[in-house]
Amino acid sequence: LARSQEPTAFSNLIMVPLAFVTSSAAGISVALVCSVVTKHMDMKRHPQMEFLISTAFALLSYFLFIEFSFINELIALYSCGFALAHYNFKNLSHASKVTAKAMIKSASWASFT
């Protein structure tokens, strides 16, 4: 008789933390690339584009890893968002910071109502 290929409790205890760590590393790596890109680009005259680049990289962390079965896209998105808030927000111009805060407040208000 062939052995079944169902996951055991031991393999689940290994795969869940591995998926969490891998997903977090994927999201943080995308955020660090975004931070380097925004640091070296001179977009001070275009605050909307700075904010759009940050948003595009955050969504990239979700859609880039959607095909991998062991990476959780939402954890990658959250870790990317936390890393962007910590590292990338310092690289943005004042007008981009105001734009980002206004857009996030608008999006949260729209999703709440």
Protein backbone atom coordinates (compact mmCIF):
# COMPACT_ATOMS: atom_id res chain seq x y z
CA LEU A 1 0.00 0.00 0.00
CA ALA A 2 1.18 3.49 -0.82
CA ARG A 3 1.57 6.00 1.97
CA SER A 4 -0.74 8.98 1.82
CA GLN A 5 0.78 12.35 1.07
CA GLU A 6 -1.29 14.25 3.61
CA PRO A 7 0.63 16.70 5.75
CA THR A 8 1.38 15.66 9.28
CA ALA A 9 1.22 17.82 12.38
CA PHE A 10 5.02 18.00 12.45
CA SER A 11 5.25 19.22 8.87
CA ASN A 12 2.61 21.86 9.61
CA LEU A 13 4.62 23.05 12.62
CA ILE A 14 7.55 23.60 10.29
CA MET A 15 5.70 25.01 7.26
CA VAL A 16 3.65 27.69 9.05
CA PRO A 17 6.61 29.56 10.62
CA LEU A 18 8.60 29.04 7.41
CA ALA A 19 5.80 30.61 5.38
CA PHE A 20 5.57 33.53 7.83
CA VAL A 21 9.31 34.22 7.76
CA THR A 22 9.52 33.84 3.98
CA SER A 23 6.52 36.12 3.42
CA SER A 24 7.91 38.75 5.77
CA ALA A 25 11.30 38.64 4.11
CA ALA A 26 9.70 38.99 0.68
CA GLY A 27 7.66 42.04 1.72
CA ILE A 28 10.57 43.71 3.50
CA SER A 29 12.86 43.16 0.51
CA VAL A 30 10.37 44.84 -1.84
CA ALA A 31 10.05 47.75 0.61
CA LEU A 32 13.81 48.17 0.83
CA VAL A 33 14.08 48.25 -2.97
CA CYS A 34 11.36 50.93 -3.01
CA SER A 35 13.22 52.93 -0.36
CA VAL A 36 16.43 52.84 -2.38
CA VAL A 37 14.59 53.83 -5.56
CA THR A 38 12.81 56.79 -3.96
CA LYS A 39 15.98 57.91 -2.19
CA HIS A 40 17.95 58.18 -5.43
CA MET A 41 15.19 59.57 -7.65
CA ASP A 42 14.67 63.31 -7.73
CA MET A 43 10.87 63.50 -7.73
CA LYS A 44 10.46 66.46 -5.38
CA ARG A 45 8.50 68.40 -8.00
CA HIS A 46 6.06 65.51 -8.49
CA PRO A 47 4.69 64.48 -5.08
CA GLN A 48 1.87 62.46 -6.65
CA MET A 49 4.40 60.32 -8.52
CA GLU A 50 6.39 59.70 -5.34
CA PHE A 51 3.27 58.48 -3.60
CA LEU A 52 2.26 56.43 -6.64
CA ILE A 53 5.65 54.70 -6.74
CA SER A 54 5.34 53.77 -3.06
CA THR A 55 1.83 52.42 -3.58
CA ALA A 56 2.89 50.50 -6.69
CA PHE A 57 5.73 48.81 -4.81
CA ALA A 58 3.37 47.87 -1.98
CA LEU A 59 0.97 46.27 -4.45
CA LEU A 60 3.91 44.64 -6.19
CA SER A 61 4.76 42.81 -2.97
CA TYR A 62 1.25 41.33 -3.05
CA PHE A 63 1.00 40.46 -6.74
CA LEU A 64 4.60 39.35 -7.21
CA PHE A 65 4.30 36.47 -4.77
CA ILE A 66 0.70 35.45 -5.46
CA GLU A 67 1.73 32.36 -7.44
CA PHE A 68 3.98 30.88 -4.75
CA SER A 69 2.03 28.44 -2.62
CA PHE A 70 4.20 28.77 0.47
CA ILE A 71 4.23 32.58 0.62
CA ASN A 72 1.26 34.33 2.16
CA GLU A 73 0.55 37.45 0.12
CA LEU A 74 -1.17 39.34 2.93
CA ILE A 75 1.76 38.89 5.29
CA ALA A 76 4.07 40.09 2.51
CA LEU A 77 1.84 43.13 1.98
CA TYR A 78 1.68 43.99 5.70
CA SER A 79 5.42 43.60 6.22
CA CYS A 80 6.04 45.69 3.10
CA GLY A 81 3.72 48.38 4.46
CA PHE A 82 5.46 48.44 7.83
CA ALA A 83 8.88 48.65 6.23
CA LEU A 84 7.70 51.37 3.83
CA ALA A 85 6.30 53.36 6.73
CA HIS A 86 9.59 53.08 8.59
CA TYR A 87 12.15 53.54 5.80
CA ASN A 88 10.45 55.11 2.79
CA PHE A 89 8.44 57.80 4.58
CA LYS A 90 11.69 59.55 5.52
CA ASN A 91 12.71 59.74 1.83
CA LEU A 92 9.52 61.47 0.68
CA SER A 93 9.25 65.22 0.25
CA HIS A 94 6.96 67.23 2.50
CA ALA A 95 4.33 67.54 -0.23
CA SER A 96 4.42 63.77 -0.78
CA LYS A 97 3.97 63.15 2.94
CA VAL A 98 0.92 65.42 2.95
CA THR A 99 -0.43 63.66 -0.16
CA ALA A 100 0.14 60.23 1.37
CA LYS A 101 -1.59 61.15 4.63
CA ALA A 102 -4.55 62.65 2.77
CA MET A 103 -4.94 59.63 0.47
CA ILE A 104 -4.69 57.15 3.35
CA LYS A 105 -7.26 59.09 5.37
CA SER A 106 -9.56 59.24 2.36
CA ALA A 107 -9.21 55.53 1.68
CA SER A 108 -9.83 54.63 5.32
CA TRP A 109 -12.86 56.89 5.46
CA ALA A 110 -14.26 55.41 2.24
CA SER A 111 -13.73 51.83 3.44
CA PHE A 112 -15.27 52.58 6.83
CA THR A 113 -18.53 53.98 5.49
